[in-house]
Amino acid sequence: MKLLTLIVHTDVQQDLTRLLRSMNQVSGFTFIHAEGHGEEVESDSFLSARDQVVGYAPRIRTELLLEDTEVDSVLATLCDKDHNIAGQGIYWIIPVEKGGHLL
């Protein structure tokens, strides 16, 4: 199993929701609201005047638990230029030793 973590600007939340719901490999997801701070925030084309004043970029974080064989196809779909998600965030992938439901 792998954990794919995505952090994208909140402006693409609806598009990301639609895209994730359309993927058979993704059984579910939760969005966590986050704030982006750093040099890249100043050049973020999605920032509103208000965001620039407060000094952070509103972001959404989600983590997807995927089978090893599904990671590449999910990532390829997310990076596809036909979707509004491409170029709007960052990701990383880490191995998962164990996971399950708390009973």
Protein backbone atom coordinates (compact mmCIF):
# COMPACT_ATOMS: atom_id res chain seq x y z
CA MET A 1 0.00 0.00 0.00
CA LYS A 2 1.02 3.59 -0.65
CA LEU A 3 -0.20 6.89 0.75
CA LEU A 4 -0.54 9.63 -1.87
CA THR A 5 -0.71 13.05 -0.23
CA LEU A 6 -1.99 16.00 -2.27
CA ILE A 7 -1.90 19.68 -1.35
CA VAL A 8 -3.76 21.96 -3.76
CA HIS A 9 -5.20 25.47 -3.75
CA THR A 10 -8.77 25.65 -2.46
CA ASP A 11 -9.92 27.08 -5.81
CA VAL A 12 -9.65 23.61 -7.36
CA GLN A 13 -11.42 21.76 -4.53
CA GLN A 14 -14.62 21.15 -6.50
CA ASP A 15 -12.72 19.95 -9.57
CA LEU A 16 -10.57 17.67 -7.41
CA THR A 17 -13.68 16.30 -5.69
CA ARG A 18 -15.31 15.45 -9.03
CA LEU A 19 -12.12 13.90 -10.35
CA LEU A 20 -11.47 11.74 -7.26
CA ARG A 21 -15.09 10.56 -7.18
CA SER A 22 -14.80 9.46 -10.81
CA MET A 23 -11.77 7.22 -10.14
CA ASN A 24 -12.45 3.55 -9.41
CA GLN A 25 -9.12 3.29 -7.57
CA VAL A 26 -10.16 5.88 -4.95
CA SER A 27 -12.57 4.47 -2.38
CA GLY A 28 -12.86 7.65 -0.33
CA PHE A 29 -11.09 10.79 0.81
CA THR A 30 -11.23 13.61 3.34
CA PHE A 31 -10.16 17.19 2.81
CA ILE A 32 -8.17 18.99 5.48
CA HIS A 33 -7.97 22.78 5.24
CA ALA A 34 -4.44 24.13 5.42
CA GLU A 35 -2.51 27.38 5.00
CA GLY A 36 0.45 27.69 2.66
CA HIS A 37 3.27 29.95 3.83
CA GLY A 38 6.55 30.59 2.02
CA GLU A 39 8.16 32.25 -0.95
CA GLU A 40 5.95 30.41 -3.46
CA VAL A 41 2.89 32.09 -1.93
CA GLU A 42 3.96 35.47 -3.30
CA SER A 43 3.91 34.19 -6.90
CA ASP A 44 0.67 32.16 -6.56
CA SER A 45 -1.64 33.30 -9.37
CA PHE A 46 -4.71 32.02 -7.48
CA LEU A 47 -4.23 34.36 -4.52
CA SER A 48 -6.89 36.98 -4.07
CA ALA A 49 -6.04 40.47 -2.84
CA ARG A 50 -7.26 39.39 0.62
CA ASP A 51 -5.00 36.33 0.62
CA GLN A 52 -2.02 38.47 -0.33
CA VAL A 53 -2.76 40.84 2.56
CA VAL A 54 -3.09 38.09 5.18
CA GLY A 55 0.06 36.45 3.79
CA TYR A 56 -0.93 32.86 3.15
CA ALA A 57 -2.46 30.71 0.46
CA PRO A 58 -5.57 28.69 1.38
CA ARG A 59 -4.95 25.04 0.57
CA ILE A 60 -6.65 21.67 0.76
CA ARG A 61 -4.80 18.52 1.82
CA THR A 62 -6.04 15.03 1.13
CA GLU A 63 -4.46 11.64 1.54
CA LEU A 64 -5.35 8.64 -0.60
CA LEU A 65 -4.56 5.10 0.49
CA LEU A 66 -3.89 3.18 -2.72
CA GLU A 67 -2.68 -0.21 -3.86
CA ASP A 68 0.90 -0.06 -5.15
CA THR A 69 -0.30 -0.87 -8.67
CA GLU A 70 -2.83 1.99 -8.70
CA VAL A 71 -0.57 4.89 -7.71
CA ASP A 72 0.84 5.63 -11.16
CA SER A 73 -2.54 5.67 -12.91
CA VAL A 74 -4.13 7.92 -10.24
CA LEU A 75 -1.18 10.29 -10.39
CA ALA A 76 -1.26 10.34 -14.20
CA THR A 77 -4.95 11.28 -14.12
CA LEU A 78 -4.32 14.07 -11.61
CA CYS A 79 -1.46 15.45 -13.72
CA ASP A 80 -3.40 15.24 -17.00
CA LYS A 81 -3.59 18.69 -18.59
CA ASP A 82 -7.27 18.09 -19.43
CA HIS A 83 -8.12 18.62 -15.75
CA ASN A 84 -7.89 21.85 -13.76
CA ILE A 85 -5.81 20.09 -11.10
CA ALA A 86 -2.60 19.91 -13.14
CA GLY A 87 -0.08 22.50 -12.00
CA GLN A 88 -2.15 23.55 -8.97
CA GLY A 89 -0.36 21.79 -6.15
CA ILE A 90 2.20 19.34 -4.87
CA TYR A 91 2.19 15.67 -3.91
CA TRP A 92 4.30 13.01 -2.26
CA ILE A 93 4.04 9.25 -1.91
CA ILE A 94 5.09 7.18 1.08
CA PRO A 95 4.86 3.45 1.78
CA VAL A 96 2.29 2.22 4.32
CA GLU A 97 3.26 -0.70 6.53
CA LYS A 98 -0.14 -1.35 7.99
CA GLY A 99 -3.64 0.10 7.94
CA GLY A 100 -7.20 -0.78 8.77
CA HIS A 101 -10.33 0.16 10.65
CA LEU A 102 -10.43 0.74 14.39
CA LEU A 103 -12.91 -1.77 15.75
